[in-house]
Every structure is written in C-alpha cells, then in structure tokens.
Amino acid sequence: MELTEGEARYLLALRDLNTGDAKPPSQAAVARKVGVSHPTALEMIRRLRALDLVALDALTLTASGTSAALVLTSRRHAARVLAHEVLGLDDAQADAEAEALATSLSPVLARRLVAWRTRRDTSQA
C-alpha cells in the first residue's frame, strides 16, 4: 500500500505509542507525538480509519496498519543505522533524520536501504 508521508508519520507514531502500554493512546498524545494540533490529528486519524489502518473503536492499529507500521519501522531502523553509523550523526540527529527518511523514501529506495542494512548486519555477525 502506498502511503503519503503524513499517513506514514502517524502510523509510526501510533505504533510507538501503542508499544508496551496497556491502553491505547489519546488523540492528544498522538497530536503531541506528531507535532500537530488536535483537529489536524483527528482529520488524519479519520483518514487512516477510512483506509482500515486504525481501528474504529480505539487508537490502535488494525492488522493492515500493523503490517504497514512494521515496514516503516524497518525503514526507520535502517535509516538510523545509515545516519548514525555511516554518516556519523549523533543520536538525536540520527533519530530525527531516520524518522524523516522512513516516511519519505520511495518504495524502491526504501527496499534497497533495508536490504543494505540486512546485508550489513549479516556480515557483521
């Protein structure tokens, strides 16, 4: 599924906010995580629900949303490795750049970046 950069940012935020917590995040928590107003967050959440990526009854990911978020998480991790270990950015810069890259890469470049990281991790093991 092709996602816009905004949709991808929200999916990553929802995945991050739903990790380890017993209850789903609030709309306010999502808005803070993404750095937008409450009405803007509500609009995107409605869009993600229409795409069947977010559950109708809570701010949790559906199976399709979880699958898409896992792909984005893999991209983000690969981008962080590139930014931190190859390009030498500090932790904060690497995290920020990885977040931006994970949500904006073309599918071709994203696949190649993840494959690069996988090969790199395999060769270092």
N, C-alpha and C. Protein backbone atom coordinates (compact mmCIF):
# COMPACT_ATOMS: atom_id res chain seq x y z
N MET A 1 0.84 -1.18 0.00
CA MET A 1 0.00 0.00 0.00
C MET A 1 0.89 1.25 0.00
N GLU A 2 0.62 2.14 -0.89
CA GLU A 2 1.33 3.41 -0.95
C GLU A 2 0.71 4.37 0.07
N LEU A 3 1.53 4.91 0.92
CA LEU A 3 1.08 5.86 1.92
C LEU A 3 1.70 7.22 1.66
N THR A 4 0.97 8.25 2.02
CA THR A 4 1.56 9.58 1.95
C THR A 4 2.55 9.72 3.11
N GLU A 5 3.38 10.73 3.04
CA GLU A 5 4.34 10.96 4.12
C GLU A 5 3.62 11.19 5.44
N GLY A 6 2.54 11.94 5.40
CA GLY A 6 1.77 12.21 6.62
C GLY A 6 1.16 10.94 7.20
N GLU A 7 0.55 10.13 6.35
CA GLU A 7 -0.03 8.87 6.82
C GLU A 7 1.05 8.00 7.47
N ALA A 8 2.20 7.95 6.84
CA ALA A 8 3.30 7.14 7.38
C ALA A 8 3.75 7.67 8.74
N ARG A 9 3.84 8.98 8.88
CA ARG A 9 4.25 9.57 10.17
C ARG A 9 3.29 9.18 11.28
N TYR A 10 2.00 9.22 10.99
CA TYR A 10 1.00 8.87 12.01
C TYR A 10 1.05 7.38 12.34
N LEU A 11 1.25 6.54 11.35
CA LEU A 11 1.35 5.10 11.64
C LEU A 11 2.53 4.81 12.55
N LEU A 12 3.68 5.42 12.27
CA LEU A 12 4.84 5.23 13.14
C LEU A 12 4.55 5.75 14.54
N ALA A 13 3.92 6.89 14.64
CA ALA A 13 3.59 7.46 15.95
C ALA A 13 2.65 6.53 16.71
N LEU A 14 1.62 6.03 16.04
CA LEU A 14 0.69 5.13 16.70
C LEU A 14 1.37 3.83 17.13
N ARG A 15 2.25 3.32 16.31
CA ARG A 15 2.98 2.10 16.69
C ARG A 15 3.85 2.38 17.90
N ASP A 16 4.58 3.49 17.89
CA ASP A 16 5.43 3.84 19.03
C ASP A 16 4.61 4.03 20.30
N LEU A 17 3.47 4.71 20.19
CA LEU A 17 2.65 5.00 21.36
C LEU A 17 1.92 3.76 21.89
N ASN A 18 1.67 2.78 21.04
CA ASN A 18 0.96 1.58 21.46
C ASN A 18 1.90 0.49 21.97
N THR A 19 3.19 0.70 21.89
CA THR A 19 4.15 -0.31 22.31
C THR A 19 4.28 -0.32 23.82
N GLY A 20 3.97 -1.46 24.43
CA GLY A 20 4.20 -1.65 25.85
C GLY A 20 3.15 -1.07 26.78
N ASP A 21 2.26 -0.25 26.31
CA ASP A 21 1.24 0.34 27.17
C ASP A 21 -0.02 -0.52 27.11
N ALA A 22 -0.69 -0.65 28.23
CA ALA A 22 -1.88 -1.48 28.29
C ALA A 22 -3.07 -0.83 27.58
N LYS A 23 -3.15 0.48 27.61
CA LYS A 23 -4.30 1.14 26.97
C LYS A 23 -3.84 1.97 25.78
N PRO A 24 -4.72 2.12 24.77
CA PRO A 24 -4.37 2.90 23.59
C PRO A 24 -4.13 4.37 23.95
N PRO A 25 -3.33 5.06 23.14
CA PRO A 25 -3.05 6.47 23.41
C PRO A 25 -4.27 7.34 23.14
N SER A 26 -4.24 8.53 23.67
CA SER A 26 -5.29 9.50 23.40
C SER A 26 -4.97 10.24 22.11
N GLN A 27 -5.98 10.91 21.59
CA GLN A 27 -5.76 11.74 20.40
C GLN A 27 -4.77 12.84 20.71
N ALA A 28 -4.81 13.37 21.92
CA ALA A 28 -3.87 14.42 22.33
C ALA A 28 -2.44 13.90 22.32
N ALA A 29 -2.24 12.66 22.76
CA ALA A 29 -0.89 12.08 22.76
C ALA A 29 -0.39 11.91 21.33
N VAL A 30 -1.26 11.51 20.43
CA VAL A 30 -0.88 11.36 19.02
C VAL A 30 -0.52 12.72 18.44
N ALA A 31 -1.34 13.73 18.71
CA ALA A 31 -1.08 15.08 18.21
C ALA A 31 0.28 15.58 18.72
N ARG A 32 0.57 15.37 20.00
CA ARG A 32 1.86 15.80 20.56
C ARG A 32 3.02 15.06 19.89
N LYS A 33 2.87 13.76 19.73
CA LYS A 33 3.95 12.95 19.14
C LYS A 33 4.28 13.40 17.72
N VAL A 34 3.25 13.71 16.95
CA VAL A 34 3.45 14.12 15.56
C VAL A 34 3.75 15.61 15.45
N GLY A 35 3.37 16.38 16.48
CA GLY A 35 3.64 17.81 16.48
C GLY A 35 2.62 18.62 15.72
N VAL A 36 1.34 18.24 15.87
CA VAL A 36 0.26 18.94 15.18
C VAL A 36 -0.85 19.28 16.17
N SER A 37 -1.83 20.06 15.71
CA SER A 37 -2.98 20.40 16.55
C SER A 37 -3.92 19.21 16.67
N HIS A 38 -4.80 19.26 17.66
CA HIS A 38 -5.78 18.19 17.85
C HIS A 38 -6.68 18.00 16.63
N PRO A 39 -7.23 19.09 16.05
CA PRO A 39 -8.08 18.91 14.86
C PRO A 39 -7.33 18.28 13.68
N THR A 40 -6.07 18.64 13.51
CA THR A 40 -5.27 18.06 12.43
C THR A 40 -5.08 16.57 12.68
N ALA A 41 -4.79 16.21 13.92
CA ALA A 41 -4.63 14.79 14.26
C ALA A 41 -5.93 14.03 14.03
N LEU A 42 -7.04 14.60 14.43
CA LEU A 42 -8.34 13.95 14.25
C LEU A 42 -8.62 13.70 12.77
N GLU A 43 -8.31 14.67 11.93
CA GLU A 43 -8.53 14.52 10.49
C GLU A 43 -7.73 13.36 9.93
N MET A 44 -6.46 13.26 10.32
CA MET A 44 -5.63 12.17 9.82
C MET A 44 -6.07 10.82 10.38
N ILE A 45 -6.46 10.80 11.63
CA ILE A 45 -6.94 9.54 12.22
C ILE A 45 -8.18 9.06 11.48
N ARG A 46 -9.07 9.97 11.14
CA ARG A 46 -10.25 9.60 10.34
C ARG A 46 -9.83 9.03 8.98
N ARG A 47 -8.84 9.64 8.37
CA ARG A 47 -8.34 9.15 7.08
C ARG A 47 -7.76 7.75 7.22
N LEU A 48 -6.98 7.53 8.26
CA LEU A 48 -6.38 6.21 8.48
C LEU A 48 -7.44 5.16 8.80
N ARG A 49 -8.50 5.56 9.47
CA ARG A 49 -9.61 4.64 9.72
C ARG A 49 -10.31 4.29 8.41
N ALA A 50 -10.49 5.26 7.55
CA ALA A 50 -11.13 5.00 6.25
C ALA A 50 -10.29 4.05 5.40
N LEU A 51 -8.97 4.07 5.59
CA LEU A 51 -8.07 3.15 4.88
C LEU A 51 -7.93 1.81 5.59
N ASP A 52 -8.67 1.63 6.69
CA ASP A 52 -8.63 0.41 7.51
C ASP A 52 -7.24 0.16 8.09
N LEU A 53 -6.57 1.22 8.49
CA LEU A 53 -5.26 1.10 9.12
C LEU A 53 -5.34 1.32 10.63
N VAL A 54 -6.39 2.00 11.08
CA VAL A 54 -6.62 2.27 12.50
C VAL A 54 -8.01 1.77 12.86
N ALA A 55 -8.10 1.13 14.02
CA ALA A 55 -9.38 0.58 14.48
C ALA A 55 -10.42 1.68 14.66
N LEU A 56 -11.67 1.31 14.50
CA LEU A 56 -12.75 2.28 14.64
C LEU A 56 -13.03 2.66 16.09
N ASP A 57 -12.77 1.75 17.02
CA ASP A 57 -13.15 1.97 18.41
C ASP A 57 -12.03 2.48 19.32
N ALA A 58 -10.79 2.47 18.84
CA ALA A 58 -9.67 2.92 19.67
C ALA A 58 -8.52 3.33 18.77
N LEU A 59 -7.55 4.01 19.32
CA LEU A 59 -6.38 4.42 18.53
C LEU A 59 -5.34 3.30 18.53
N THR A 60 -5.76 2.19 17.96
CA THR A 60 -4.87 1.04 17.78
C THR A 60 -4.83 0.70 16.30
N LEU A 61 -3.77 0.06 15.90
CA LEU A 61 -3.61 -0.32 14.50
C LEU A 61 -4.37 -1.60 14.20
N THR A 62 -4.96 -1.65 13.02
CA THR A 62 -5.56 -2.89 12.54
C THR A 62 -4.43 -3.81 12.07
N ALA A 63 -4.79 -4.98 11.59
CA ALA A 63 -3.76 -5.89 11.06
C ALA A 63 -3.04 -5.23 9.88
N SER A 64 -3.78 -4.57 9.01
CA SER A 64 -3.15 -3.87 7.87
C SER A 64 -2.29 -2.72 8.35
N GLY A 65 -2.75 -2.00 9.35
CA GLY A 65 -1.99 -0.90 9.90
C GLY A 65 -0.71 -1.38 10.58
N THR A 66 -0.81 -2.49 11.28
CA THR A 66 0.37 -3.06 11.94
C THR A 66 1.39 -3.50 10.91
N SER A 67 0.93 -4.13 9.85
CA SER A 67 1.83 -4.57 8.78
C SER A 67 2.56 -3.38 8.16
N ALA A 68 1.81 -2.33 7.83
CA ALA A 68 2.41 -1.14 7.24
C ALA A 68 3.38 -0.47 8.22
N ALA A 69 3.02 -0.43 9.50
CA ALA A 69 3.88 0.19 10.51
C ALA A 69 5.16 -0.60 10.70
N LEU A 70 5.10 -1.92 10.59
CA LEU A 70 6.31 -2.74 10.72
C LEU A 70 7.27 -2.47 9.56
N VAL A 71 6.74 -2.31 8.36
CA VAL A 71 7.58 -1.96 7.21
C VAL A 71 8.24 -0.61 7.46
N LEU A 72 7.47 0.36 7.92
CA LEU A 72 8.02 1.69 8.21
C LEU A 72 9.05 1.65 9.33
N THR A 73 8.82 0.82 10.33
CA THR A 73 9.77 0.68 11.43
C THR A 73 11.09 0.11 10.93
N SER A 74 11.01 -0.85 10.03
CA SER A 74 12.22 -1.43 9.45
C SER A 74 12.98 -0.38 8.65
N ARG A 75 12.26 0.43 7.90
CA ARG A 75 12.88 1.52 7.15
C ARG A 75 13.55 2.52 8.10
N ARG A 76 12.84 2.85 9.18
CA ARG A 76 13.37 3.82 10.13
C ARG A 76 14.65 3.29 10.78
N HIS A 77 14.64 2.02 11.13
CA HIS A 77 15.84 1.44 11.75
C HIS A 77 17.02 1.47 10.78
N ALA A 78 16.77 1.09 9.53
CA ALA A 78 17.85 1.10 8.53
C ALA A 78 18.35 2.53 8.30
N ALA A 79 17.45 3.48 8.25
CA ALA A 79 17.85 4.88 8.06
C ALA A 79 18.64 5.39 9.26
N ARG A 80 18.29 4.92 10.45
CA ARG A 80 19.03 5.34 11.65
C ARG A 80 20.45 4.78 11.62
N VAL A 81 20.59 3.52 11.23
CA VAL A 81 21.93 2.91 11.12
C VAL A 81 22.77 3.71 10.13
N LEU A 82 22.19 4.03 8.99
CA LEU A 82 22.90 4.81 7.98
C LEU A 82 23.32 6.17 8.54
N ALA A 83 22.38 6.87 9.15
CA ALA A 83 22.66 8.22 9.65
C ALA A 83 23.67 8.21 10.79
N HIS A 84 23.57 7.25 11.69
CA HIS A 84 24.42 7.24 12.87
C HIS A 84 25.78 6.59 12.59
N GLU A 85 25.75 5.37 12.10
CA GLU A 85 26.99 4.61 11.98
C GLU A 85 27.79 4.90 10.71
N VAL A 86 27.11 5.24 9.64
CA VAL A 86 27.83 5.50 8.39
C VAL A 86 28.12 6.99 8.23
N LEU A 87 27.12 7.82 8.48
CA LEU A 87 27.29 9.25 8.27
C LEU A 87 27.78 9.99 9.51
N GLY A 88 27.80 9.33 10.66
CA GLY A 88 28.37 9.91 11.87
C GLY A 88 27.52 10.92 12.60
N LEU A 89 26.22 10.93 12.38
CA LEU A 89 25.36 11.86 13.11
C LEU A 89 25.22 11.39 14.56
N ASP A 90 25.05 12.34 15.48
CA ASP A 90 24.84 11.95 16.87
C ASP A 90 23.45 11.31 17.01
N ASP A 91 23.17 10.76 18.19
CA ASP A 91 21.92 10.02 18.39
C ASP A 91 20.68 10.83 18.06
N ALA A 92 20.60 12.04 18.56
CA ALA A 92 19.41 12.87 18.34
C ALA A 92 19.23 13.20 16.86
N GLN A 93 20.33 13.58 16.20
CA GLN A 93 20.25 13.89 14.77
C GLN A 93 19.89 12.64 13.97
N ALA A 94 20.49 11.51 14.31
CA ALA A 94 20.22 10.27 13.60
C ALA A 94 18.76 9.88 13.74
N ASP A 95 18.21 10.03 14.94
CA ASP A 95 16.79 9.71 15.15
C ASP A 95 15.88 10.61 14.32
N ALA A 96 16.16 11.90 14.32
CA ALA A 96 15.33 12.84 13.56
C ALA A 96 15.41 12.57 12.06
N GLU A 97 16.62 12.34 11.57
CA GLU A 97 16.79 12.08 10.14
C GLU A 97 16.15 10.74 9.74
N ALA A 98 16.29 9.75 10.60
CA ALA A 98 15.70 8.44 10.32
C ALA A 98 14.19 8.53 10.24
N GLU A 99 13.60 9.29 11.13
CA GLU A 99 12.14 9.48 11.13
C GLU A 99 11.71 10.12 9.81
N ALA A 100 12.42 11.15 9.40
CA ALA A 100 12.07 11.84 8.15
C ALA A 100 12.28 10.93 6.94
N LEU A 101 13.38 10.21 6.91
CA LEU A 101 13.66 9.33 5.77
C LEU A 101 12.66 8.18 5.68
N ALA A 102 12.33 7.57 6.79
CA ALA A 102 11.45 6.41 6.79
C ALA A 102 10.09 6.72 6.17
N THR A 103 9.63 7.94 6.35
CA THR A 103 8.29 8.29 5.86
C THR A 103 8.30 8.92 4.47
N SER A 104 9.49 9.22 3.94
CA SER A 104 9.53 9.93 2.66
C SER A 104 10.25 9.19 1.54
N LEU A 105 10.88 8.07 1.84
CA LEU A 105 11.60 7.34 0.81
C LEU A 105 10.65 6.72 -0.22
N SER A 106 11.11 6.64 -1.44
CA SER A 106 10.35 5.91 -2.45
C SER A 106 10.40 4.43 -2.08
N PRO A 107 9.44 3.64 -2.54
CA PRO A 107 9.46 2.20 -2.24
C PRO A 107 10.75 1.52 -2.70
N VAL A 108 11.27 1.91 -3.85
CA VAL A 108 12.50 1.29 -4.37
C VAL A 108 13.68 1.58 -3.44
N LEU A 109 13.86 2.85 -3.10
CA LEU A 109 14.97 3.22 -2.24
C LEU A 109 14.80 2.61 -0.84
N ALA A 110 13.58 2.58 -0.35
CA ALA A 110 13.32 2.00 0.97
C ALA A 110 13.70 0.53 1.00
N ARG A 111 13.30 -0.23 -0.03
CA ARG A 111 13.66 -1.66 -0.09
C ARG A 111 15.17 -1.85 -0.13
N ARG A 112 15.83 -1.02 -0.91
CA ARG A 112 17.30 -1.14 -1.01
C ARG A 112 17.99 -0.76 0.29
N LEU A 113 17.47 0.23 0.98
CA LEU A 113 18.06 0.64 2.26
C LEU A 113 17.91 -0.49 3.29
N VAL A 114 16.73 -1.09 3.37
CA VAL A 114 16.52 -2.19 4.31
C VAL A 114 17.38 -3.39 3.93
N ALA A 115 17.49 -3.68 2.64
CA ALA A 115 18.35 -4.79 2.19
C ALA A 115 19.81 -4.51 2.53
N TRP A 116 20.25 -3.27 2.37
CA TRP A 116 21.62 -2.90 2.73
C TRP A 116 21.87 -3.16 4.21
N ARG A 117 20.94 -2.70 5.05
CA ARG A 117 21.10 -2.90 6.48
C ARG A 117 21.11 -4.38 6.85
N THR A 118 20.27 -5.17 6.21
CA THR A 118 20.21 -6.60 6.47
C THR A 118 21.54 -7.27 6.09
N ARG A 119 22.06 -6.93 4.91
CA ARG A 119 23.36 -7.48 4.48
C ARG A 119 24.46 -7.05 5.43
N ARG A 120 24.43 -5.81 5.83
CA ARG A 120 25.45 -5.27 6.74
C ARG A 120 25.41 -5.99 8.09
N ASP A 121 24.20 -6.17 8.62
CA ASP A 121 24.05 -6.85 9.90
C ASP A 121 24.50 -8.31 9.81
N THR A 122 24.19 -8.96 8.69
CA THR A 122 24.57 -10.35 8.48
C THR A 122 26.08 -10.51 8.39
N SER A 123 26.72 -9.59 7.68
CA SER A 123 28.17 -9.69 7.50
C SER A 123 28.94 -9.37 8.78
N GLN A 124 28.32 -8.63 9.70
CA GLN A 124 28.97 -8.28 10.96
C GLN A 124 28.76 -9.34 12.04
N ALA A 125 27.83 -10.25 11.79
CA ALA A 125 27.52 -11.29 12.81
C ALA A 125 28.57 -12.36 12.88
